[in-house]
Amino acid sequence: MHKKSFLLYLLLIIPLIFFHNCYYTLFIKVINPFFSLLFMVFYFLTHKNILTFKNKYYLPLIILISLLFGNIYLGLGFIKGFIPNPYNNLITNIFETIIPLISLEILRYLFLKNKKNKPFFITLCFITLEINYHTLFSLNLKKDLFTYLCSHLIPLIFSNFLFTYLTQHFHYIYAIILSILDKLIIYFVPLIPYHNWYFNGSNSLIKIIFIYLIFSYILNKNKQKKKHYNISFFLPIISFLLTFFNLGLFKYEAIVILSNSMAPTFQKGDIVIYEKTKENVSVNDIIIYEIPSKTIIHRVVKKKSNNTYLTKGDNNKIIDNYTVKEKDIKGIYKFSLKYLGLPAVFLDEYFQEGDD
């Protein structure tokens, strides 16, 4: 690494470790965002052509992939359930997280711009700059180290090598967009899936490898820009619609069947599409309703007074011992898609074994 770059790295890493261990809250909430903002403002004022670069045609592809894996993350909630989003202050999150991320990628670009700096060593330096030393030094090494490695450190290492690759061969805007979308997918939703460290780490790692393979292919094949643009331009729109569907912003929602209680109508691994309504529920309708810690999809066998219902699985011999109230109902079954939910069934069974 070039001497000036190395000195700058030391000026960053030494205070970082110090503040993480002594004044972590002050550093995260004030010092780091404030100096990151100053750096960004200075950079934007001194570089007027920051958005003038080649290969803009692939930006929609980055958006597509981020939203696709964001949907996989959100889709975990249909298996494990949702919890209220603790990141409820968007302005604070942008100031404390997004601004430092942007400034870090600009800094990466400036380091890589100096041809005397080796990309591999630059990447290692940025990995050390992004590590949360406050969390690392407070770990119970016997109990938490493996979880921390799989869910945080390994994805951090791979993502930094990917960001270096994108910055070096395309533009640092690609790394910024990818980094921001990862955060915004979490910050903008009111509910997030119940966390599973193995799934979150695996999902991040697969996404990073997937993006690298695609952009490596693009770079090596050097296809025509127009063709890429025409293909990828509409894909983010489709992914946005899928995101809104997963968030329940449309009239219909989906649920994966995890048992055979409704066979042969539908079986384990089918995806059921239902309409979000509680009106005009009749005998023989298949309804989706919630009881504590569980979502059930069974057929109405009797309608009682005060809009309450008795239900039964088509494959069950006895009626459910729970009286369904109108407030419990999420919707009415419309149609199903065979076998498309089998991966979700596999994950659910795998997680249940891991929880034992």
Protein backbone atom coordinates (compact mmCIF):
# COMPACT_ATOMS: atom_id res chain seq x y z
CA MET A 1 0.00 0.00 0.00
CA HIS A 2 1.19 3.53 -0.75
CA LYS A 3 2.64 5.37 2.27
CA LYS A 4 0.12 8.23 2.23
CA SER A 5 -2.77 5.80 2.00
CA PHE A 6 -1.36 3.74 4.84
CA LEU A 7 -1.02 6.79 7.05
CA LEU A 8 -4.59 7.80 6.28
CA TYR A 9 -5.72 4.27 7.15
CA LEU A 10 -3.94 4.49 10.52
CA LEU A 11 -5.58 7.85 11.18
CA LEU A 12 -8.93 6.16 10.66
CA ILE A 13 -8.50 2.77 12.32
CA ILE A 14 -6.81 3.85 15.57
CA PRO A 15 -9.52 6.38 16.61
CA LEU A 16 -12.17 3.92 15.40
CA ILE A 17 -11.03 1.16 17.75
CA PHE A 18 -10.58 3.64 20.60
CA PHE A 19 -14.06 5.18 20.30
CA HIS A 20 -15.72 1.79 19.77
CA ASN A 21 -14.37 0.63 23.11
CA CYS A 22 -14.62 3.84 25.13
CA TYR A 23 -17.35 6.04 23.63
CA TYR A 24 -19.33 3.71 21.37
CA THR A 25 -22.75 5.41 21.55
CA LEU A 26 -21.26 8.88 21.05
CA PHE A 27 -19.20 7.63 18.12
CA ILE A 28 -22.08 5.85 16.36
CA LYS A 29 -24.70 8.55 16.88
CA VAL A 30 -22.62 11.74 16.53
CA ILE A 31 -18.93 11.57 15.65
CA ASN A 32 -18.95 9.10 12.76
CA PRO A 33 -22.09 10.49 11.01
CA PHE A 34 -20.96 14.10 11.47
CA PHE A 35 -17.48 13.66 10.00
CA SER A 36 -18.87 11.40 7.27
CA LEU A 37 -21.30 14.14 6.29
CA LEU A 38 -18.52 16.73 6.21
CA PHE A 39 -16.43 14.46 4.02
CA MET A 40 -19.35 13.86 1.65
CA VAL A 41 -20.13 17.56 1.31
CA PHE A 42 -16.47 18.37 0.62
CA TYR A 43 -16.24 15.60 -1.98
CA PHE A 44 -19.43 16.58 -3.80
CA LEU A 45 -18.39 20.24 -3.90
CA THR A 46 -14.98 19.42 -5.35
CA HIS A 47 -16.12 16.75 -7.82
CA LYS A 48 -18.82 18.11 -10.08
CA ASN A 49 -18.99 15.14 -12.45
CA ILE A 50 -19.59 12.45 -9.86
CA LEU A 51 -22.54 10.95 -11.76
CA THR A 52 -20.81 10.97 -15.15
CA PHE A 53 -19.58 7.45 -15.77
CA LYS A 54 -19.86 4.54 -18.17
CA ASN A 55 -21.92 1.38 -17.75
CA LYS A 56 -25.01 3.10 -16.35
CA TYR A 57 -27.11 0.50 -18.12
CA TYR A 58 -26.51 -2.06 -15.38
CA LEU A 59 -27.83 0.04 -12.51
CA PRO A 60 -31.38 -1.41 -12.83
CA LEU A 61 -29.81 -4.86 -12.55
CA ILE A 62 -28.31 -3.98 -9.16
CA ILE A 63 -31.74 -2.74 -8.03
CA LEU A 64 -33.39 -5.93 -9.26
CA ILE A 65 -31.02 -8.26 -7.45
CA SER A 66 -31.21 -6.28 -4.20
CA LEU A 67 -35.00 -6.32 -4.23
CA LEU A 68 -35.08 -9.99 -5.17
CA PHE A 69 -33.00 -11.01 -2.17
CA GLY A 70 -34.86 -8.46 -0.04
CA ASN A 71 -38.02 -10.37 -0.88
CA ILE A 72 -36.36 -13.62 0.14
CA TYR A 73 -35.51 -11.97 3.46
CA LEU A 74 -39.07 -10.66 3.91
CA GLY A 75 -40.49 -13.99 2.79
CA LEU A 76 -38.92 -15.64 5.83
CA GLY A 77 -41.68 -13.97 7.83
CA PHE A 78 -44.26 -16.23 6.19
CA ILE A 79 -42.46 -19.19 7.75
CA LYS A 80 -41.11 -17.94 11.07
CA GLY A 81 -43.48 -15.01 11.69
CA PHE A 82 -42.95 -11.24 11.87
CA ILE A 83 -41.88 -8.95 14.69
CA PRO A 84 -42.23 -5.14 15.00
CA ASN A 85 -39.40 -3.29 13.29
CA PRO A 86 -37.06 -1.84 15.96
CA TYR A 87 -35.55 0.53 13.36
CA ASN A 88 -38.53 2.87 13.48
CA ASN A 89 -36.76 6.23 13.23
CA LEU A 90 -35.93 6.60 9.55
CA ILE A 91 -34.21 10.00 9.80
CA THR A 92 -31.95 8.79 12.60
CA ASN A 93 -31.10 5.63 10.70
CA ILE A 94 -30.19 7.58 7.57
CA PHE A 95 -27.93 9.90 9.55
CA GLU A 96 -26.27 7.17 11.61
CA THR A 97 -25.99 4.45 8.96
CA ILE A 98 -26.58 5.56 5.36
CA ILE A 99 -24.34 8.63 5.38
CA PRO A 100 -21.32 6.75 6.82
CA LEU A 101 -21.87 3.98 4.24
CA ILE A 102 -21.82 6.45 1.35
CA SER A 103 -18.72 8.21 2.64
CA LEU A 104 -16.96 4.87 3.11
CA GLU A 105 -17.57 3.88 -0.52
CA ILE A 106 -16.33 7.27 -1.75
CA LEU A 107 -13.22 6.76 0.35
CA ARG A 108 -12.76 3.29 -1.14
CA TYR A 109 -12.94 4.81 -4.61
CA LEU A 110 -10.29 7.41 -3.72
CA PHE A 111 -7.99 4.69 -2.36
CA LEU A 112 -8.45 2.56 -5.49
CA LYS A 113 -7.95 5.56 -7.73
CA ASN A 114 -4.32 5.61 -6.65
CA LYS A 115 -2.79 2.91 -8.86
CA LYS A 116 -0.02 2.33 -6.33
CA ASN A 117 -2.56 0.83 -3.93
CA LYS A 118 -3.30 -2.86 -4.38
CA PRO A 119 -7.07 -3.65 -4.44
CA PHE A 120 -6.60 -6.73 -2.24
CA PHE A 121 -4.91 -4.80 0.57
CA ILE A 122 -7.36 -1.92 0.21
CA THR A 123 -10.21 -4.39 0.70
CA LEU A 124 -8.59 -5.84 3.82
CA CYS A 125 -8.24 -2.32 5.23
CA PHE A 126 -11.90 -1.54 4.61
CA ILE A 127 -12.95 -4.80 6.24
CA THR A 128 -11.14 -3.70 9.40
CA LEU A 129 -12.77 -0.27 9.17
CA GLU A 130 -16.28 -1.79 9.03
CA ILE A 131 -15.90 -4.29 11.85
CA ASN A 132 -17.92 -3.40 14.93
CA TYR A 133 -15.18 -3.71 17.55
CA HIS A 134 -17.58 -2.90 20.36
CA THR A 135 -19.56 -6.06 19.51
CA LEU A 136 -16.47 -8.12 18.71
CA PHE A 137 -14.73 -7.44 22.02
CA SER A 138 -17.88 -8.13 24.03
CA LEU A 139 -18.48 -11.58 22.50
CA ASN A 140 -18.60 -14.73 24.56
CA LEU A 141 -16.01 -16.55 22.43
CA LYS A 142 -17.29 -20.04 23.23
CA LYS A 143 -20.96 -19.23 22.77
CA ASP A 144 -21.20 -16.41 20.21
CA LEU A 145 -18.10 -16.52 18.01
CA PHE A 146 -19.39 -19.02 15.45
CA THR A 147 -22.72 -17.19 15.12
CA TYR A 148 -20.92 -13.85 14.74
CA LEU A 149 -18.60 -15.25 12.06
CA CYS A 150 -21.43 -16.73 9.99
CA SER A 151 -23.97 -13.94 10.33
CA HIS A 152 -21.71 -10.85 10.28
CA LEU A 153 -18.01 -11.26 9.66
CA ILE A 154 -18.01 -13.63 6.65
CA PRO A 155 -20.74 -11.63 4.78
CA LEU A 156 -18.79 -8.44 5.64
CA ILE A 157 -15.59 -9.86 4.13
CA PHE A 158 -17.31 -11.06 0.95
CA SER A 159 -19.30 -7.84 0.51
CA ASN A 160 -16.14 -5.73 0.76
CA PHE A 161 -14.43 -7.74 -1.94
CA LEU A 162 -17.56 -7.35 -4.08
CA PHE A 163 -17.69 -3.56 -3.50
CA THR A 164 -14.02 -3.27 -4.45
CA TYR A 165 -14.70 -5.26 -7.61
CA LEU A 166 -17.69 -3.10 -8.59
CA THR A 167 -15.84 0.14 -7.82
CA GLN A 168 -12.77 -0.94 -9.76
CA HIS A 169 -14.50 -2.26 -12.88
CA PHE A 170 -17.79 -0.30 -12.99
CA HIS A 171 -18.29 2.64 -10.61
CA TYR A 172 -18.49 3.29 -6.88
CA ILE A 173 -22.17 4.28 -7.34
CA TYR A 174 -22.89 0.57 -7.82
CA ALA A 175 -21.47 -0.25 -4.39
CA ILE A 176 -23.32 2.69 -2.82
CA ILE A 177 -26.68 1.67 -4.30
CA LEU A 178 -26.21 -1.95 -3.26
CA SER A 179 -25.22 -0.94 0.26
CA ILE A 180 -28.08 1.56 0.67
CA LEU A 181 -30.77 -0.80 -0.65
CA ASP A 182 -29.69 -3.46 1.83
CA LYS A 183 -30.42 -1.02 4.66
CA LEU A 184 -33.54 0.64 3.26
CA ILE A 185 -35.28 -2.71 2.73
CA ILE A 186 -35.04 -3.13 6.50
CA TYR A 187 -35.74 0.47 7.53
CA PHE A 188 -38.84 1.06 5.43
CA VAL A 189 -40.93 -1.96 6.43
CA PRO A 190 -43.16 -1.87 9.56
CA LEU A 191 -42.57 -5.57 10.28
CA ILE A 192 -39.44 -7.66 9.83
CA PRO A 193 -39.07 -11.44 9.88
CA TYR A 194 -38.18 -13.21 13.09
CA HIS A 195 -34.39 -13.30 12.94
CA ASN A 196 -32.44 -16.44 12.25
CA TRP A 197 -28.69 -15.84 12.09
CA TYR A 198 -28.06 -18.79 9.77
CA PHE A 199 -30.65 -17.70 7.22
CA ASN A 200 -29.61 -14.03 7.29
CA GLY A 201 -25.94 -14.89 6.84
CA SER A 202 -26.63 -17.41 4.07
CA ASN A 203 -28.98 -15.06 2.24
CA SER A 204 -26.36 -12.28 2.28
CA LEU A 205 -23.59 -14.59 1.15
CA ILE A 206 -25.59 -16.09 -1.72
CA LYS A 207 -26.59 -12.60 -2.90
CA ILE A 208 -22.97 -11.41 -2.91
CA ILE A 209 -21.78 -14.43 -4.90
CA PHE A 210 -24.73 -14.11 -7.28
CA ILE A 211 -23.99 -10.43 -8.00
CA TYR A 212 -20.30 -11.14 -8.53
CA LEU A 213 -21.03 -13.94 -11.00
CA ILE A 214 -23.45 -11.81 -13.00
CA PHE A 215 -21.19 -8.75 -13.22
CA SER A 216 -18.15 -10.88 -13.89
CA TYR A 217 -20.04 -12.41 -16.80
CA ILE A 218 -21.06 -8.96 -18.05
CA LEU A 219 -17.51 -7.69 -17.82
CA ASN A 220 -15.98 -10.70 -19.55
CA LYS A 221 -18.52 -10.96 -22.34
CA ASN A 222 -18.70 -7.20 -22.90
CA LYS A 223 -22.24 -7.40 -24.33
CA GLN A 224 -23.92 -4.48 -26.06
CA LYS A 225 -25.19 -1.84 -23.64
CA LYS A 226 -28.50 -1.41 -25.38
CA LYS A 227 -29.39 -5.06 -25.06
CA HIS A 228 -28.63 -5.10 -21.35
CA TYR A 229 -30.59 -1.92 -20.80
CA ASN A 230 -33.69 -3.19 -22.58
CA ILE A 231 -33.71 -6.44 -20.63
CA SER A 232 -32.98 -5.04 -17.18
CA PHE A 233 -35.03 -1.84 -17.35
CA PHE A 234 -38.36 -3.57 -16.64
CA LEU A 235 -37.05 -6.10 -14.12
CA PRO A 236 -36.85 -3.69 -11.14
CA ILE A 237 -40.49 -2.73 -11.77
CA ILE A 238 -41.49 -6.40 -11.51
CA SER A 239 -39.41 -6.78 -8.36
CA PHE A 240 -40.98 -3.65 -6.83
CA LEU A 241 -44.41 -5.19 -7.41
CA LEU A 242 -43.25 -8.41 -5.79
CA THR A 243 -41.96 -6.40 -2.81
CA PHE A 244 -45.31 -4.63 -2.39
CA PHE A 245 -47.08 -8.01 -2.63
CA ASN A 246 -44.89 -9.47 0.13
CA LEU A 247 -45.57 -6.44 2.31
CA GLY A 248 -49.30 -6.98 1.98
CA LEU A 249 -49.98 -3.76 0.07
CA PHE A 250 -52.21 -5.50 -2.47
CA LYS A 251 -55.64 -7.12 -2.15
CA TYR A 252 -54.10 -10.60 -2.18
CA GLU A 253 -51.42 -12.30 -0.10
CA ALA A 254 -49.63 -15.65 -0.17
CA ILE A 255 -48.92 -18.29 2.45
CA VAL A 256 -46.92 -21.53 2.29
CA ILE A 257 -48.68 -24.73 3.42
CA LEU A 258 -46.55 -26.50 6.03
CA SER A 259 -48.79 -29.52 6.76
CA ASN A 260 -51.13 -31.96 5.01
CA SER A 261 -54.21 -31.14 7.09
CA MET A 262 -56.02 -29.85 3.97
CA ALA A 263 -55.06 -32.70 1.61
CA PRO A 264 -56.06 -33.41 -1.09
CA THR A 265 -57.30 -29.81 -1.68
CA PHE A 266 -53.72 -28.67 -1.26
CA GLN A 267 -50.69 -30.26 0.31
CA LYS A 268 -47.49 -29.47 2.12
CA GLY A 269 -45.33 -27.27 -0.09
CA ASP A 270 -48.17 -25.60 -2.02
CA ILE A 271 -48.46 -21.81 -2.05
CA VAL A 272 -51.96 -20.54 -1.32
CA ILE A 273 -53.15 -17.17 -2.58
CA TYR A 274 -55.93 -15.61 -0.53
CA GLU A 275 -58.00 -12.44 -0.67
CA LYS A 276 -57.68 -10.17 2.36
CA THR A 277 -61.31 -9.94 3.37
CA LYS A 278 -63.56 -10.93 6.28
CA GLU A 279 -66.86 -10.31 4.52
CA ASN A 280 -69.33 -12.86 3.18
CA VAL A 281 -67.64 -15.87 4.77
CA SER A 282 -69.84 -18.92 4.19
CA VAL A 283 -69.88 -22.62 5.03
CA ASN A 284 -67.40 -24.54 2.81
CA ASP A 285 -65.20 -21.46 2.33
CA ILE A 286 -61.53 -22.04 3.10
CA ILE A 287 -60.31 -19.29 5.37
CA ILE A 288 -56.95 -18.18 6.70
CA TYR A 289 -57.04 -17.15 10.35
CA GLU A 290 -54.63 -16.51 13.19
CA ILE A 291 -54.52 -17.92 16.67
CA PRO A 292 -51.72 -17.15 19.17
CA SER A 293 -48.35 -17.94 17.55
CA LYS A 294 -49.92 -19.78 14.60
CA THR A 295 -51.62 -19.20 11.23
CA ILE A 296 -54.16 -21.82 10.11
CA ILE A 297 -55.89 -22.41 6.78
CA HIS A 298 -58.96 -24.67 7.18
CA ARG A 299 -62.47 -25.02 5.79
CA VAL A 300 -65.54 -23.49 7.47
CA VAL A 301 -67.93 -26.27 8.51
CA LYS A 302 -70.37 -24.24 10.59
CA LYS A 303 -71.32 -20.59 10.90
CA LYS A 304 -72.46 -19.63 14.39
CA SER A 305 -74.03 -16.52 15.79
CA ASN A 306 -72.14 -13.23 16.14
CA ASN A 307 -70.03 -14.01 13.07
CA THR A 308 -68.06 -16.84 14.63
CA TYR A 309 -67.10 -20.04 12.81
CA LEU A 310 -66.07 -23.65 13.33
CA THR A 311 -63.43 -25.02 11.00
CA LYS A 312 -61.86 -28.33 10.07
CA GLY A 313 -58.99 -29.53 7.93
CA ASP A 314 -60.17 -31.65 4.99
CA ASN A 315 -57.72 -34.36 6.03
CA ASN A 316 -58.63 -34.18 9.74
CA LYS A 317 -61.25 -36.38 11.40
CA ILE A 318 -62.44 -33.90 14.02
CA ILE A 319 -63.50 -30.27 14.04
CA ASP A 320 -60.98 -27.75 15.35
CA ASN A 321 -61.42 -26.98 19.05
CA TYR A 322 -61.10 -23.24 18.41
CA THR A 323 -64.01 -20.93 17.60
CA VAL A 324 -62.85 -18.49 14.93
CA LYS A 325 -63.90 -14.88 15.50
CA GLU A 326 -64.19 -12.35 12.72
CA LYS A 327 -61.15 -10.44 14.04
CA ASP A 328 -59.05 -13.63 13.67
CA ILE A 329 -59.71 -13.98 9.93
CA LYS A 330 -56.99 -12.82 7.53
CA GLY A 331 -58.72 -13.78 4.27
CA ILE A 332 -60.48 -16.28 2.05
CA TYR A 333 -58.68 -18.83 -0.14
CA LYS A 334 -58.73 -18.20 -3.91
CA PHE A 335 -56.26 -20.58 -5.57
CA SER A 336 -53.03 -22.48 -4.97
CA LEU A 337 -49.71 -23.06 -6.75
CA LYS A 338 -48.45 -26.63 -6.52
CA TYR A 339 -45.05 -27.41 -4.98
CA LEU A 340 -43.59 -23.88 -5.30
CA GLY A 341 -43.31 -23.58 -1.53
CA LEU A 342 -41.27 -26.76 -1.00
CA PRO A 343 -38.02 -24.83 -0.32
CA ALA A 344 -39.85 -22.92 2.43
CA VAL A 345 -41.03 -26.24 3.93
CA PHE A 346 -37.49 -27.54 3.91
CA LEU A 347 -36.21 -24.39 5.66
CA ASP A 348 -39.00 -24.52 8.25
CA GLU A 349 -38.25 -28.15 9.11
CA TYR A 350 -34.52 -27.42 9.20
CA PHE A 351 -34.98 -24.47 11.55
CA GLN A 352 -37.29 -26.48 13.83
CA GLU A 353 -34.61 -29.18 14.14
CA GLY A 354 -32.08 -26.49 14.97
CA ASP A 355 -34.31 -25.03 17.68
CA ASP A 356 -34.68 -28.35 19.53
